[in-house]
Amino acid sequence: MTAPGGTVYDRSMTLVVVGAGLAGAKAVEAAREAGYDGKVVLVGEEESAPYERPPLSKQVFRGEKPPESARVHDEGFYDEHHVELRTGDRVTELDLTDRTVHVGDEVLPYDRLVLATGARPRRLDVPGADLPGTHYLRTVEDSARLAEAVRGAGRVAVIGGGWIGSEVAASARQLGADVVMIDPTPTPLHGVLGAEIGASFAQLHRDHGVALRMGTGVASLTGSGRVEGVVLTDGSTEAADVVVVGVGAVPNTELAQAAGLAVDNGIVVDERLRTGVPGVLAAGDVASAFHPHYDRHVRVEHW
C-alpha cells in the first residue's frame, strides 16, 4: 500500500497497541515517526478518540474548553498515518504463544504488541462509599457528571490531597462551590512535593476559600439515600452532598497477568519498556519500568 506522499506500507507486519489513552496514542505516533511501515492497530474501550486526562479536572471540568480540546491528536491524524483506531472495543485475552489479541470474538494477529492499558481510580474502602453522590474522576464522562453535580452542590468534600484532589478542589471553588479537602497527610501534595511546597499549596487553597482537614482520614460516608456527610477518623463529621474521591490509582494489569507476564505494581518492564516476552512492551500508567538512576522499578502516573 502506498500512502499520499509516497510512503509504502508493509501489511505483512502488524503492531497492536492495547489501550487508547495518551500512552497508546503516543506509541502509534512514535512508531510512525520512527519509520515503522507495517499495519498499526490501536484498540481502546472508551468510545472517544484518545485524549489527555489533566484537562478533565481543570479547563474541561470548568466548562472553559470542550472535551474535544483534550484529544491527543487532531481529527484525521489516524487516517493520515494509516492507524486503524478501534474505539469502544474491549480486549478480552492475550495469547503470547500464538501472538494474537482477542477483541470479543475477533482474533487479531500481531508481530509487536504494546500494552498501554492504563489505570483506574482506587476505590474508597469505607462504609457508605457506594452512596449516590460519590464521584471518581478518570474519563470525560466522569468529568461531565462531576461538573453537573458540583454546580448544584451545597458542599463538596474532596477526599485526597494529591494532584486530582487539589485540582478538583480548586476548580470546584472556581465554579462557586463550598469545598472541604480531607487527607491524612500534613499538606496537599505532601507525598510528591514535600512539606515546604505542600504548605504553600495549603495556603493557596485557604486563600481561595477551600477548607482543609489535613492529618485525618475518612472513617465512613453517611447519608439517607445519598451522601450527606464524611465521618473522619477523629470522630468529627464534614457535611457534603457531593463527595469526590481521589486516593490514587490501580494499574490495569489483569490482561497481562492472565497472559503470564510478570506483574508487580504494574507490568514489569526494563528501561526500554520491554517485558520478558520478545516483541511485547508496556507503556504509560500500567508500566513498572526499571530506572537505571534509582536502580529499581518505578511506575509513573503522569507526564
Foldseek 3Di string as FASTA:
>chain_A
DAAPVGQAADAVAEEEEEAQEPWLVVVLVVCVVVPHRYAYEYEHQAQDGYFHFPCLLPCCLLVNDPPVVRHPDDPPPCVNSNYHYHYNWDFDAAALVQQWTRTPPDIHHHQFYEYAHAWAFDQDPAAASPFPQEAEGDDSVSSVVVSVDLLPWAEEEEEAQEPSSLSNLVSSLVSPHQYEYEELAPFRNCVPPNDPVRVVSRVVSVVSRYHYHYNWHFRYFDDDRGTFWTQIPVGDIDGIRHYYYHDDIQAPCVNVVVNPWDADSAGEDEQVQHTPRPNYGYDEQRYQYQDVVVRGTHGDHDD
